[in-house]
Amino acid sequence: MKALELLRQEADQRRVYRAEMDIVDTITPLVDYFGQKYPDTDWRSCCEVISDQGGKWPYDLAVRHMIRWGKADARVIEDAFQISLPPFIHELYSQIEEAVFIWRNVVRLMPPEEVVAWERENREWEDKEGQPVRLVRFMKSRRLSGDIAIRRSVCDDQWRMYYVSVDDDSDYDEERLDQYTLAEDLDSWLQYMMANDGAFSSSEYHQAQAARLIKRIA
């Protein structure tokens, strides 16, 4: 997967953003969480305020991705829901256990066990327990009110990348899916994210949300 090679090159890259919102409060709890779970790495440099106006906005923030390289077992998800995941999900988890990708948007890749727990929780809320699983949320958006998921189409049986807002559930009508499509696969979507500094897609909404109140300056 080319995107994973690019992520390795970008992993230690320090980027500076000017923020007019308190995005630090979004990232800091994740830094603390990673610090407790993986104490062999100092994650504090992944989010540093480097200039401010005496506590007022805007302020400048230096960030790096938080990636725990290693092997996780995506079969945990398959076994839990009796499904076969696409190869790109297995390849992702064969190299990354979990991660927080920090661009203009902040996206957290959950480990497989948490993916299962989160999907079950959503299905319970939606009263979809016991129904076939065609959608699996595996990344949480920390700036938008939604998740990144893969969804298996009832039309051609293919898994694709989707954005799932809080207003949608795991079996919304097939004819409505096009407006939520992010990419045909994970590799192309991650490459798009890197090229567009965190915008989820080319849609006007996702472009506007990525640019809202934060911009890269270095």
N, C-alpha and C. Protein backbone atom coordinates (compact mmCIF):
# COMPACT_ATOMS: atom_id res chain seq x y z
N MET A 1 0.84 -1.18 0.00
CA MET A 1 0.00 0.00 0.00
C MET A 1 0.89 1.24 0.00
N LYS A 2 0.77 2.03 -1.06
CA LYS A 2 1.65 3.18 -1.21
C LYS A 2 1.44 4.19 -0.09
N ALA A 3 0.20 4.34 0.37
CA ALA A 3 -0.09 5.32 1.41
C ALA A 3 0.69 5.03 2.69
N LEU A 4 0.87 3.77 3.02
CA LEU A 4 1.61 3.43 4.23
C LEU A 4 3.08 3.80 4.09
N GLU A 5 3.64 3.65 2.89
CA GLU A 5 5.01 4.08 2.65
C GLU A 5 5.13 5.59 2.83
N LEU A 6 4.14 6.32 2.31
CA LEU A 6 4.16 7.78 2.45
C LEU A 6 3.97 8.20 3.91
N LEU A 7 3.14 7.46 4.64
CA LEU A 7 2.95 7.77 6.05
C LEU A 7 4.24 7.59 6.85
N ARG A 8 5.01 6.57 6.50
CA ARG A 8 6.30 6.38 7.18
C ARG A 8 7.22 7.56 6.94
N GLN A 9 7.18 8.12 5.74
CA GLN A 9 8.00 9.28 5.43
C GLN A 9 7.49 10.53 6.15
N GLU A 10 6.18 10.59 6.35
CA GLU A 10 5.55 11.77 6.94
C GLU A 10 5.46 11.69 8.46
N ALA A 11 5.69 10.50 9.00
CA ALA A 11 5.42 10.25 10.42
C ALA A 11 6.16 11.21 11.35
N ASP A 12 7.39 11.51 11.06
CA ASP A 12 8.18 12.36 11.93
C ASP A 12 8.24 13.81 11.46
N GLN A 13 7.43 14.12 10.45
CA GLN A 13 7.43 15.47 9.91
C GLN A 13 6.71 16.42 10.87
N ARG A 14 7.35 17.50 11.20
CA ARG A 14 6.76 18.51 12.10
C ARG A 14 6.05 19.54 11.25
N ARG A 15 4.75 19.73 11.52
CA ARG A 15 3.96 20.70 10.78
C ARG A 15 3.42 21.76 11.75
N VAL A 16 3.31 22.97 11.26
CA VAL A 16 2.85 24.07 12.12
C VAL A 16 1.55 24.63 11.56
N TYR A 17 0.57 24.77 12.44
CA TYR A 17 -0.75 25.30 12.07
C TYR A 17 -1.07 26.52 12.92
N ARG A 18 -1.83 27.42 12.33
CA ARG A 18 -2.37 28.55 13.08
C ARG A 18 -3.85 28.26 13.33
N ALA A 19 -4.20 28.22 14.59
CA ALA A 19 -5.55 27.81 14.96
C ALA A 19 -6.32 28.95 15.59
N GLU A 20 -7.59 29.04 15.23
CA GLU A 20 -8.50 29.99 15.85
C GLU A 20 -9.58 29.24 16.61
N MET A 21 -9.23 28.06 17.06
CA MET A 21 -10.12 27.25 17.89
C MET A 21 -9.25 26.42 18.81
N ASP A 22 -9.82 25.86 19.83
CA ASP A 22 -9.00 25.16 20.82
C ASP A 22 -8.79 23.71 20.42
N ILE A 23 -8.07 23.49 19.33
CA ILE A 23 -7.80 22.14 18.85
C ILE A 23 -6.86 21.40 19.80
N VAL A 24 -6.11 22.15 20.62
CA VAL A 24 -5.24 21.50 21.60
C VAL A 24 -6.06 20.60 22.51
N ASP A 25 -7.25 21.04 22.88
CA ASP A 25 -8.10 20.23 23.76
C ASP A 25 -8.58 18.95 23.08
N THR A 26 -8.53 18.93 21.75
CA THR A 26 -8.87 17.72 21.01
C THR A 26 -7.71 16.73 21.02
N ILE A 27 -6.48 17.25 20.90
CA ILE A 27 -5.32 16.37 20.74
C ILE A 27 -4.72 15.95 22.08
N THR A 28 -4.68 16.85 23.06
CA THR A 28 -4.01 16.56 24.33
C THR A 28 -4.49 15.29 25.02
N PRO A 29 -5.80 15.02 25.10
CA PRO A 29 -6.23 13.76 25.72
C PRO A 29 -5.71 12.53 25.00
N LEU A 30 -5.54 12.64 23.69
CA LEU A 30 -5.00 11.52 22.92
C LEU A 30 -3.51 11.34 23.20
N VAL A 31 -2.80 12.44 23.37
CA VAL A 31 -1.38 12.35 23.76
C VAL A 31 -1.26 11.66 25.11
N ASP A 32 -2.11 12.04 26.05
CA ASP A 32 -2.09 11.41 27.38
C ASP A 32 -2.43 9.93 27.30
N TYR A 33 -3.42 9.60 26.49
CA TYR A 33 -3.83 8.20 26.32
C TYR A 33 -2.69 7.36 25.75
N PHE A 34 -2.04 7.87 24.70
CA PHE A 34 -0.92 7.14 24.11
C PHE A 34 0.24 7.03 25.11
N GLY A 35 0.44 8.08 25.89
CA GLY A 35 1.52 8.04 26.87
C GLY A 35 1.31 6.97 27.92
N GLN A 36 0.07 6.76 28.32
CA GLN A 36 -0.23 5.73 29.31
C GLN A 36 -0.19 4.34 28.69
N LYS A 37 -0.66 4.21 27.47
CA LYS A 37 -0.73 2.90 26.83
C LYS A 37 0.63 2.46 26.28
N TYR A 38 1.41 3.42 25.77
CA TYR A 38 2.71 3.11 25.17
C TYR A 38 3.79 3.98 25.82
N PRO A 39 4.15 3.72 27.06
CA PRO A 39 5.09 4.58 27.79
C PRO A 39 6.52 4.51 27.28
N ASP A 40 6.80 3.62 26.35
CA ASP A 40 8.14 3.52 25.80
C ASP A 40 8.44 4.62 24.79
N THR A 41 7.45 5.45 24.48
CA THR A 41 7.62 6.54 23.52
C THR A 41 7.14 7.84 24.15
N ASP A 42 7.88 8.92 23.90
CA ASP A 42 7.49 10.24 24.38
C ASP A 42 6.63 10.90 23.31
N TRP A 43 5.33 11.00 23.57
CA TRP A 43 4.38 11.51 22.58
C TRP A 43 4.14 13.01 22.73
N ARG A 44 4.75 13.64 23.72
CA ARG A 44 4.42 15.03 24.01
C ARG A 44 4.79 15.97 22.86
N SER A 45 5.81 15.62 22.10
CA SER A 45 6.22 16.48 21.00
C SER A 45 5.23 16.44 19.83
N CYS A 46 4.23 15.58 19.92
CA CYS A 46 3.23 15.49 18.85
C CYS A 46 2.24 16.64 18.88
N CYS A 47 2.24 17.40 19.97
CA CYS A 47 1.31 18.54 20.06
C CYS A 47 1.93 19.59 20.98
N GLU A 48 2.46 20.65 20.40
CA GLU A 48 3.13 21.69 21.18
C GLU A 48 2.67 23.07 20.73
N VAL A 49 2.19 23.86 21.66
CA VAL A 49 1.87 25.26 21.36
C VAL A 49 3.18 26.03 21.33
N ILE A 50 3.51 26.65 20.21
CA ILE A 50 4.80 27.31 20.07
C ILE A 50 4.70 28.83 20.12
N SER A 51 3.49 29.36 20.00
CA SER A 51 3.30 30.80 20.19
C SER A 51 1.83 31.05 20.47
N ASP A 52 1.56 32.01 21.31
CA ASP A 52 0.16 32.35 21.58
C ASP A 52 0.06 33.83 21.90
N GLN A 53 -1.15 34.25 22.18
CA GLN A 53 -1.41 35.66 22.47
C GLN A 53 -1.89 35.79 23.91
N GLY A 54 -1.11 35.23 24.82
CA GLY A 54 -1.51 35.29 26.22
C GLY A 54 -2.77 34.51 26.50
N GLY A 55 -2.88 33.35 25.85
CA GLY A 55 -4.06 32.51 26.05
C GLY A 55 -5.21 32.82 25.12
N LYS A 56 -5.02 33.80 24.24
CA LYS A 56 -6.07 34.16 23.29
C LYS A 56 -5.79 33.54 21.93
N TRP A 57 -6.82 33.41 21.12
CA TRP A 57 -6.66 32.94 19.74
C TRP A 57 -6.32 34.11 18.84
N PRO A 58 -5.63 33.89 17.72
CA PRO A 58 -5.10 32.58 17.27
C PRO A 58 -3.77 32.24 17.96
N TYR A 59 -3.38 30.98 17.84
CA TYR A 59 -2.09 30.55 18.34
C TYR A 59 -1.50 29.56 17.34
N ASP A 60 -0.19 29.34 17.44
CA ASP A 60 0.49 28.44 16.53
C ASP A 60 0.79 27.12 17.23
N LEU A 61 0.56 26.05 16.51
CA LEU A 61 0.64 24.70 17.07
C LEU A 61 1.52 23.84 16.19
N ALA A 62 2.54 23.21 16.79
CA ALA A 62 3.40 22.26 16.06
C ALA A 62 2.91 20.84 16.37
N VAL A 63 2.72 20.04 15.33
CA VAL A 63 2.17 18.70 15.52
C VAL A 63 2.93 17.67 14.69
N ARG A 64 2.82 16.42 15.12
CA ARG A 64 3.26 15.26 14.36
C ARG A 64 2.20 14.18 14.52
N HIS A 65 2.16 13.26 13.56
CA HIS A 65 1.26 12.13 13.70
C HIS A 65 1.68 11.28 14.90
N MET A 66 0.71 10.61 15.49
CA MET A 66 0.97 9.66 16.57
C MET A 66 0.66 8.27 16.01
N ILE A 67 1.68 7.56 15.62
CA ILE A 67 1.49 6.26 14.98
C ILE A 67 2.21 5.18 15.79
N ARG A 68 1.48 4.18 16.20
CA ARG A 68 2.08 3.03 16.87
C ARG A 68 2.27 1.95 15.82
N TRP A 69 3.49 1.92 15.30
CA TRP A 69 3.81 0.92 14.29
C TRP A 69 3.86 -0.46 14.92
N GLY A 70 3.37 -1.43 14.22
CA GLY A 70 3.34 -2.80 14.74
C GLY A 70 2.21 -3.56 14.10
N LYS A 71 2.03 -4.77 14.53
CA LYS A 71 1.04 -5.64 13.90
C LYS A 71 -0.17 -5.84 14.81
N ALA A 72 -1.34 -5.54 14.27
CA ALA A 72 -2.61 -5.85 14.94
C ALA A 72 -3.33 -6.89 14.09
N ASP A 73 -4.32 -7.55 14.67
CA ASP A 73 -4.99 -8.65 13.99
C ASP A 73 -6.41 -8.24 13.60
N ALA A 74 -6.60 -7.92 12.32
CA ALA A 74 -7.93 -7.52 11.85
C ALA A 74 -8.91 -8.67 11.85
N ARG A 75 -8.43 -9.90 12.02
CA ARG A 75 -9.35 -11.03 12.09
C ARG A 75 -10.25 -10.95 13.31
N VAL A 76 -9.84 -10.18 14.31
CA VAL A 76 -10.70 -9.95 15.48
C VAL A 76 -12.03 -9.35 15.03
N ILE A 77 -11.98 -8.42 14.08
CA ILE A 77 -13.20 -7.79 13.55
C ILE A 77 -14.00 -8.80 12.75
N GLU A 78 -13.32 -9.56 11.91
CA GLU A 78 -14.01 -10.56 11.09
C GLU A 78 -14.72 -11.59 11.96
N ASP A 79 -14.04 -12.08 12.97
CA ASP A 79 -14.62 -13.10 13.83
C ASP A 79 -15.82 -12.57 14.61
N ALA A 80 -15.74 -11.31 15.02
CA ALA A 80 -16.81 -10.72 15.82
C ALA A 80 -18.10 -10.57 15.02
N PHE A 81 -17.96 -10.26 13.71
CA PHE A 81 -19.15 -9.96 12.90
C PHE A 81 -19.39 -10.98 11.79
N GLN A 82 -18.55 -12.02 11.73
CA GLN A 82 -18.72 -13.06 10.71
C GLN A 82 -18.72 -12.47 9.31
N ILE A 83 -17.68 -11.68 9.03
CA ILE A 83 -17.52 -11.04 7.73
C ILE A 83 -16.10 -11.27 7.23
N SER A 84 -15.87 -10.98 5.96
CA SER A 84 -14.52 -11.01 5.38
C SER A 84 -14.16 -9.59 4.98
N LEU A 85 -13.15 -9.04 5.63
CA LEU A 85 -12.73 -7.67 5.35
C LEU A 85 -11.91 -7.61 4.07
N PRO A 86 -11.88 -6.45 3.41
CA PRO A 86 -11.06 -6.30 2.21
C PRO A 86 -9.57 -6.36 2.55
N PRO A 87 -8.73 -6.77 1.60
CA PRO A 87 -7.29 -6.89 1.86
C PRO A 87 -6.65 -5.61 2.39
N PHE A 88 -7.16 -4.44 1.97
CA PHE A 88 -6.50 -3.21 2.40
C PHE A 88 -6.64 -2.97 3.91
N ILE A 89 -7.67 -3.51 4.53
CA ILE A 89 -7.78 -3.38 5.98
C ILE A 89 -6.77 -4.28 6.68
N HIS A 90 -6.60 -5.50 6.16
CA HIS A 90 -5.60 -6.40 6.73
C HIS A 90 -4.19 -5.83 6.58
N GLU A 91 -3.93 -5.21 5.43
CA GLU A 91 -2.60 -4.63 5.21
C GLU A 91 -2.36 -3.46 6.16
N LEU A 92 -3.38 -2.64 6.37
CA LEU A 92 -3.25 -1.52 7.31
C LEU A 92 -2.87 -2.01 8.70
N TYR A 93 -3.63 -2.98 9.20
CA TYR A 93 -3.38 -3.45 10.56
C TYR A 93 -2.16 -4.37 10.66
N SER A 94 -1.63 -4.80 9.54
CA SER A 94 -0.39 -5.56 9.60
C SER A 94 0.81 -4.67 9.86
N GLN A 95 0.61 -3.33 9.73
CA GLN A 95 1.71 -2.40 9.93
C GLN A 95 1.46 -1.37 11.04
N ILE A 96 0.20 -1.11 11.35
CA ILE A 96 -0.14 -0.11 12.36
C ILE A 96 -1.10 -0.70 13.37
N GLU A 97 -0.77 -0.58 14.65
CA GLU A 97 -1.66 -1.06 15.71
C GLU A 97 -2.79 -0.07 15.94
N GLU A 98 -2.44 1.18 16.08
CA GLU A 98 -3.42 2.26 16.18
C GLU A 98 -2.68 3.57 15.95
N ALA A 99 -3.43 4.63 15.69
CA ALA A 99 -2.78 5.89 15.33
C ALA A 99 -3.72 7.06 15.51
N VAL A 100 -3.11 8.25 15.60
CA VAL A 100 -3.84 9.50 15.49
C VAL A 100 -3.15 10.29 14.38
N PHE A 101 -3.87 10.52 13.30
CA PHE A 101 -3.33 11.28 12.17
C PHE A 101 -3.75 12.73 12.36
N ILE A 102 -2.76 13.61 12.42
CA ILE A 102 -3.03 15.01 12.71
C ILE A 102 -2.71 15.86 11.49
N TRP A 103 -3.76 16.27 10.79
CA TRP A 103 -3.68 17.27 9.75
C TRP A 103 -4.62 18.40 10.18
N ARG A 104 -5.24 19.08 9.23
CA ARG A 104 -6.25 20.06 9.63
C ARG A 104 -7.41 19.36 10.34
N ASN A 105 -7.72 18.15 9.90
CA ASN A 105 -8.61 17.28 10.65
C ASN A 105 -7.77 16.32 11.47
N VAL A 106 -8.31 15.84 12.54
CA VAL A 106 -7.64 14.87 13.42
C VAL A 106 -8.45 13.58 13.36
N VAL A 107 -7.79 12.49 12.97
CA VAL A 107 -8.48 11.22 12.75
C VAL A 107 -7.78 10.13 13.56
N ARG A 108 -8.54 9.39 14.32
CA ARG A 108 -7.96 8.33 15.14
C ARG A 108 -8.31 6.96 14.57
N LEU A 109 -7.26 6.19 14.24
CA LEU A 109 -7.43 4.79 13.84
C LEU A 109 -7.52 3.94 15.10
N MET A 110 -8.64 3.26 15.28
CA MET A 110 -8.83 2.45 16.48
C MET A 110 -8.20 1.06 16.31
N PRO A 111 -7.70 0.46 17.38
CA PRO A 111 -7.24 -0.93 17.31
C PRO A 111 -8.44 -1.84 17.09
N PRO A 112 -8.22 -3.05 16.53
CA PRO A 112 -9.35 -3.93 16.17
C PRO A 112 -10.33 -4.19 17.31
N GLU A 113 -9.86 -4.42 18.52
CA GLU A 113 -10.77 -4.70 19.63
C GLU A 113 -11.70 -3.52 19.89
N GLU A 114 -11.19 -2.32 19.76
CA GLU A 114 -12.02 -1.14 19.97
C GLU A 114 -12.98 -0.92 18.81
N VAL A 115 -12.55 -1.28 17.59
CA VAL A 115 -13.44 -1.22 16.44
C VAL A 115 -14.69 -2.07 16.70
N VAL A 116 -14.47 -3.28 17.20
CA VAL A 116 -15.58 -4.19 17.49
C VAL A 116 -16.50 -3.58 18.55
N ALA A 117 -15.93 -3.07 19.64
CA ALA A 117 -16.74 -2.50 20.71
C ALA A 117 -17.54 -1.29 20.22
N TRP A 118 -16.90 -0.43 19.42
CA TRP A 118 -17.57 0.78 18.94
C TRP A 118 -18.69 0.43 17.96
N GLU A 119 -18.43 -0.53 17.07
CA GLU A 119 -19.47 -0.91 16.11
C GLU A 119 -20.65 -1.57 16.83
N ARG A 120 -20.37 -2.39 17.80
CA ARG A 120 -21.46 -3.01 18.55
C ARG A 120 -22.28 -1.96 19.30
N GLU A 121 -21.60 -0.96 19.83
CA GLU A 121 -22.30 0.11 20.55
C GLU A 121 -23.22 0.87 19.60
N ASN A 122 -22.71 1.18 18.41
CA ASN A 122 -23.53 1.88 17.43
C ASN A 122 -24.72 1.04 16.99
N ARG A 123 -24.49 -0.24 16.77
CA ARG A 123 -25.58 -1.11 16.34
C ARG A 123 -26.64 -1.28 17.43
N GLU A 124 -26.21 -1.23 18.66
CA GLU A 124 -27.17 -1.29 19.76
C GLU A 124 -28.03 -0.03 19.78
N TRP A 125 -27.38 1.13 19.60
CA TRP A 125 -28.13 2.38 19.55
C TRP A 125 -29.14 2.37 18.41
N GLU A 126 -28.73 1.80 17.27
CA GLU A 126 -29.56 1.80 16.07
C GLU A 126 -30.56 0.65 16.03
N ASP A 127 -30.53 -0.19 17.07
CA ASP A 127 -31.40 -1.37 17.12
C ASP A 127 -31.16 -2.27 15.91
N LYS A 128 -29.85 -2.50 15.59
CA LYS A 128 -29.48 -3.33 14.45
C LYS A 128 -28.79 -4.63 14.87
N GLU A 129 -28.86 -4.93 16.16
CA GLU A 129 -28.21 -6.14 16.64
C GLU A 129 -28.83 -7.37 15.97
N GLY A 130 -27.97 -8.30 15.54
CA GLY A 130 -28.44 -9.52 14.90
C GLY A 130 -28.63 -9.39 13.40
N GLN A 131 -28.56 -8.17 12.86
CA GLN A 131 -28.70 -7.98 11.42
C GLN A 131 -27.32 -8.08 10.76
N PRO A 132 -27.28 -8.42 9.47
CA PRO A 132 -25.99 -8.54 8.77
C PRO A 132 -25.18 -7.26 8.85
N VAL A 133 -23.87 -7.40 8.98
CA VAL A 133 -22.97 -6.25 9.10
C VAL A 133 -22.42 -5.90 7.72
N ARG A 134 -22.78 -4.72 7.24
CA ARG A 134 -22.26 -4.24 5.96
C ARG A 134 -21.44 -2.97 6.12
N LEU A 135 -21.37 -2.46 7.33
CA LEU A 135 -20.61 -1.24 7.58
C LEU A 135 -19.83 -1.41 8.88
N VAL A 136 -18.55 -1.01 8.84
CA VAL A 136 -17.70 -1.09 10.02
C VAL A 136 -16.97 0.23 10.18
N ARG A 137 -17.21 0.90 11.27
CA ARG A 137 -16.52 2.15 11.58
C ARG A 137 -15.17 1.81 12.22
N PHE A 138 -14.08 2.30 11.65
CA PHE A 138 -12.77 1.95 12.21
C PHE A 138 -11.89 3.16 12.48
N MET A 139 -12.34 4.35 12.09
CA MET A 139 -11.64 5.57 12.42
C MET A 139 -12.64 6.58 12.99
N LYS A 140 -12.21 7.32 13.99
CA LYS A 140 -13.05 8.37 14.56
C LYS A 140 -12.52 9.73 14.16
N SER A 141 -13.39 10.55 13.63
CA SER A 141 -13.04 11.94 13.35
C SER A 141 -13.14 12.73 14.64
N ARG A 142 -12.09 13.46 14.98
CA ARG A 142 -12.08 14.21 16.23
C ARG A 142 -12.51 15.67 16.05
N ARG A 143 -12.69 16.10 14.80
CA ARG A 143 -13.14 17.48 14.59
C ARG A 143 -14.53 17.54 13.97
N LEU A 144 -14.96 16.47 13.30
CA LEU A 144 -16.28 16.42 12.71
C LEU A 144 -17.12 15.41 13.48
N SER A 145 -18.42 15.59 13.45
CA SER A 145 -19.30 14.69 14.20
C SER A 145 -19.65 13.46 13.36
N GLY A 146 -18.65 12.60 13.17
CA GLY A 146 -18.87 11.40 12.38
C GLY A 146 -17.67 10.49 12.43
N ASP A 147 -17.78 9.38 11.72
CA ASP A 147 -16.72 8.37 11.68
C ASP A 147 -16.34 8.05 10.24
N ILE A 148 -15.17 7.45 10.11
CA ILE A 148 -14.73 6.90 8.82
C ILE A 148 -14.98 5.40 8.88
N ALA A 149 -15.57 4.86 7.82
CA ALA A 149 -15.96 3.46 7.82
C ALA A 149 -15.67 2.82 6.47
N ILE A 150 -15.73 1.50 6.46
CA ILE A 150 -15.81 0.78 5.20
C ILE A 150 -17.22 0.23 5.10
N ARG A 151 -17.76 0.22 3.89
CA ARG A 151 -19.11 -0.27 3.70
C ARG A 151 -19.18 -1.17 2.48
N ARG A 152 -19.85 -2.29 2.66
CA ARG A 152 -19.98 -3.28 1.58
C ARG A 152 -21.28 -3.02 0.82
N SER A 153 -21.16 -2.67 -0.45
CA SER A 153 -22.32 -2.32 -1.26
C SER A 153 -23.20 -3.54 -1.53
N VAL A 154 -24.50 -3.33 -1.49
CA VAL A 154 -25.41 -4.42 -1.85
C VAL A 154 -25.53 -4.54 -3.37
N CYS A 155 -25.00 -3.56 -4.09
CA CYS A 155 -25.08 -3.58 -5.56
C CYS A 155 -23.99 -4.44 -6.18
N ASP A 156 -22.73 -4.26 -5.75
CA ASP A 156 -21.63 -5.02 -6.37
C ASP A 156 -20.78 -5.77 -5.36
N ASP A 157 -21.16 -5.75 -4.09
CA ASP A 157 -20.49 -6.53 -3.04
C ASP A 157 -19.09 -6.03 -2.72
N GLN A 158 -18.75 -4.81 -3.13
CA GLN A 158 -17.43 -4.27 -2.89
C GLN A 158 -17.41 -3.39 -1.64
N TRP A 159 -16.29 -3.47 -0.89
CA TRP A 159 -16.09 -2.59 0.26
C TRP A 159 -15.48 -1.27 -0.23
N ARG A 160 -16.03 -0.16 0.24
CA ARG A 160 -15.51 1.16 -0.10
C ARG A 160 -15.43 2.01 1.16
N MET A 161 -14.70 3.13 1.03
CA MET A 161 -14.54 4.05 2.15
C MET A 161 -15.74 5.00 2.21
N TYR A 162 -16.24 5.22 3.43
CA TYR A 162 -17.39 6.09 3.62
C TYR A 162 -17.21 6.98 4.84
N TYR A 163 -17.88 8.12 4.76
CA TYR A 163 -18.03 8.99 5.92
C TYR A 163 -19.41 8.75 6.49
N VAL A 164 -19.48 8.48 7.78
CA VAL A 164 -20.76 8.21 8.44
C VAL A 164 -21.00 9.31 9.46
N SER A 165 -21.96 10.16 9.20
CA SER A 165 -22.26 11.23 10.14
C SER A 165 -23.11 10.69 11.28
N VAL A 166 -23.27 11.48 12.32
CA VAL A 166 -24.05 11.05 13.48
C VAL A 166 -25.53 10.91 13.12
N ASP A 167 -25.93 11.42 11.96
CA ASP A 167 -27.33 11.36 11.55
C ASP A 167 -27.67 10.11 10.76
N ASP A 168 -26.68 9.25 10.51
CA ASP A 168 -26.91 8.07 9.69
C ASP A 168 -26.62 6.81 10.47
N ASP A 169 -27.25 5.71 10.05
CA ASP A 169 -27.02 4.45 10.73
C ASP A 169 -26.39 3.45 9.78
N SER A 170 -26.23 2.20 10.25
CA SER A 170 -25.39 1.25 9.53
C SER A 170 -26.08 0.54 8.36
N ASP A 171 -27.34 0.86 8.07
CA ASP A 171 -27.96 0.25 6.89
C ASP A 171 -28.83 1.25 6.13
N TYR A 172 -28.37 2.51 6.07
CA TYR A 172 -29.14 3.50 5.35
C TYR A 172 -29.23 3.13 3.86
N ASP A 173 -30.25 3.66 3.21
CA ASP A 173 -30.63 3.21 1.87
C ASP A 173 -29.48 3.30 0.88
N GLU A 174 -29.37 2.26 0.04
CA GLU A 174 -28.29 2.17 -0.94
C GLU A 174 -28.25 3.37 -1.88
N GLU A 175 -29.40 3.87 -2.29
CA GLU A 175 -29.41 4.98 -3.25
C GLU A 175 -28.85 6.26 -2.66
N ARG A 176 -28.71 6.32 -1.35
CA ARG A 176 -28.17 7.52 -0.71
C ARG A 176 -26.66 7.47 -0.53
N LEU A 177 -26.03 6.38 -0.92
CA LEU A 177 -24.63 6.18 -0.55
C LEU A 177 -23.64 7.08 -1.27
N ASP A 178 -23.92 7.45 -2.52
CA ASP A 178 -22.94 8.18 -3.30
C ASP A 178 -22.46 9.44 -2.60
N GLN A 179 -23.34 10.12 -1.92
CA GLN A 179 -22.95 11.39 -1.29
C GLN A 179 -22.00 11.18 -0.11
N TYR A 180 -21.89 9.94 0.37
CA TYR A 180 -21.01 9.65 1.50
C TYR A 180 -19.71 8.97 1.08
N THR A 181 -19.57 8.62 -0.19
CA THR A 181 -18.38 7.91 -0.64
C THR A 181 -17.15 8.80 -0.52
N LEU A 182 -16.10 8.26 0.08
CA LEU A 182 -14.84 8.98 0.17
C LEU A 182 -13.86 8.51 -0.89
N ALA A 183 -13.78 7.20 -1.10
CA ALA A 183 -12.84 6.63 -2.07
C ALA A 183 -13.18 5.16 -2.29
N GLU A 184 -12.59 4.61 -3.34
CA GLU A 184 -12.81 3.20 -3.65
C GLU A 184 -12.08 2.29 -2.68
N ASP A 185 -10.99 2.78 -2.09
CA ASP A 185 -10.23 1.94 -1.16
C ASP A 185 -9.46 2.84 -0.20
N LEU A 186 -8.89 2.20 0.81
CA LEU A 186 -8.18 2.94 1.85
C LEU A 186 -6.92 3.61 1.32
N ASP A 187 -6.21 2.94 0.44
CA ASP A 187 -4.95 3.49 -0.06
C ASP A 187 -5.18 4.83 -0.76
N SER A 188 -6.15 4.88 -1.66
CA SER A 188 -6.39 6.12 -2.39
C SER A 188 -6.93 7.20 -1.47
N TRP A 189 -7.71 6.81 -0.45
CA TRP A 189 -8.25 7.81 0.47
C TRP A 189 -7.15 8.42 1.33
N LEU A 190 -6.26 7.59 1.88
CA LEU A 190 -5.16 8.13 2.69
C LEU A 190 -4.24 9.02 1.86
N GLN A 191 -3.99 8.63 0.63
CA GLN A 191 -3.16 9.47 -0.23
C GLN A 191 -3.84 10.82 -0.48
N TYR A 192 -5.17 10.79 -0.66
CA TYR A 192 -5.91 12.03 -0.84
C TYR A 192 -5.80 12.90 0.40
N MET A 193 -5.94 12.28 1.57
CA MET A 193 -5.84 13.02 2.82
C MET A 193 -4.48 13.70 2.95
N MET A 194 -3.41 12.98 2.63
CA MET A 194 -2.08 13.56 2.74
C MET A 194 -1.89 14.70 1.75
N ALA A 195 -2.41 14.54 0.54
CA ALA A 195 -2.25 15.56 -0.48
C ALA A 195 -3.09 16.80 -0.20
N ASN A 196 -4.17 16.62 0.56
CA ASN A 196 -5.09 17.73 0.82
C ASN A 196 -5.12 18.13 2.30
N ASP A 197 -4.08 17.75 3.03
CA ASP A 197 -3.88 18.19 4.40
C ASP A 197 -5.10 17.92 5.29
N GLY A 198 -5.69 16.74 5.10
CA GLY A 198 -6.73 16.33 6.03
C GLY A 198 -8.16 16.49 5.57
N ALA A 199 -8.40 17.04 4.39
CA ALA A 199 -9.77 17.10 3.87
C ALA A 199 -10.22 15.68 3.52
N PHE A 200 -11.40 15.29 3.97
CA PHE A 200 -11.84 13.92 3.78
C PHE A 200 -12.15 13.59 2.32
N SER A 201 -12.63 14.58 1.58
CA SER A 201 -12.98 14.35 0.18
C SER A 201 -13.01 15.70 -0.53
N SER A 202 -13.33 15.65 -1.81
CA SER A 202 -13.39 16.88 -2.61
C SER A 202 -14.72 17.61 -2.47
N SER A 203 -15.63 17.05 -1.68
CA SER A 203 -16.93 17.70 -1.51
C SER A 203 -16.76 19.07 -0.87
N GLU A 204 -17.64 19.96 -1.20
CA GLU A 204 -17.57 21.32 -0.67
C GLU A 204 -17.61 21.31 0.85
N TYR A 205 -18.42 20.43 1.42
CA TYR A 205 -18.56 20.35 2.87
C TYR A 205 -17.25 19.94 3.52
N HIS A 206 -16.64 18.86 3.03
CA HIS A 206 -15.41 18.37 3.65
C HIS A 206 -14.24 19.32 3.44
N GLN A 207 -14.18 19.96 2.27
CA GLN A 207 -13.13 20.96 2.05
C GLN A 207 -13.30 22.14 3.00
N ALA A 208 -14.53 22.58 3.17
CA ALA A 208 -14.78 23.73 4.05
C ALA A 208 -14.50 23.39 5.50
N GLN A 209 -14.88 22.19 5.92
CA GLN A 209 -14.68 21.80 7.31
C GLN A 209 -13.19 21.64 7.63
N ALA A 210 -12.41 21.13 6.68
CA ALA A 210 -10.97 20.97 6.91
C ALA A 210 -10.30 22.33 7.08
N ALA A 211 -10.78 23.32 6.36
CA ALA A 211 -10.16 24.65 6.39
C ALA A 211 -10.69 25.52 7.52
N ARG A 212 -11.73 25.06 8.19
CA ARG A 212 -12.42 25.91 9.17
C ARG A 212 -11.54 26.17 10.40
N LEU A 213 -11.17 27.43 10.56
CA LEU A 213 -10.50 27.94 11.76
C LEU A 213 -9.10 27.38 11.99
N ILE A 214 -8.51 26.71 11.01
CA ILE A 214 -7.14 26.23 11.18
C ILE A 214 -6.47 26.20 9.81
N LYS A 215 -5.23 26.65 9.73
CA LYS A 215 -4.52 26.62 8.46
C LYS A 215 -3.04 26.33 8.71
N ARG A 216 -2.44 25.66 7.77
CA ARG A 216 -1.02 25.32 7.90
C ARG A 216 -0.17 26.52 7.51
N ILE A 217 0.86 26.80 8.31
CA ILE A 217 1.74 27.94 8.01
C ILE A 217 3.18 27.51 7.83
N ALA A 218 3.51 26.24 8.17
CA ALA A 218 4.90 25.78 7.97
C ALA A 218 4.92 24.27 7.99
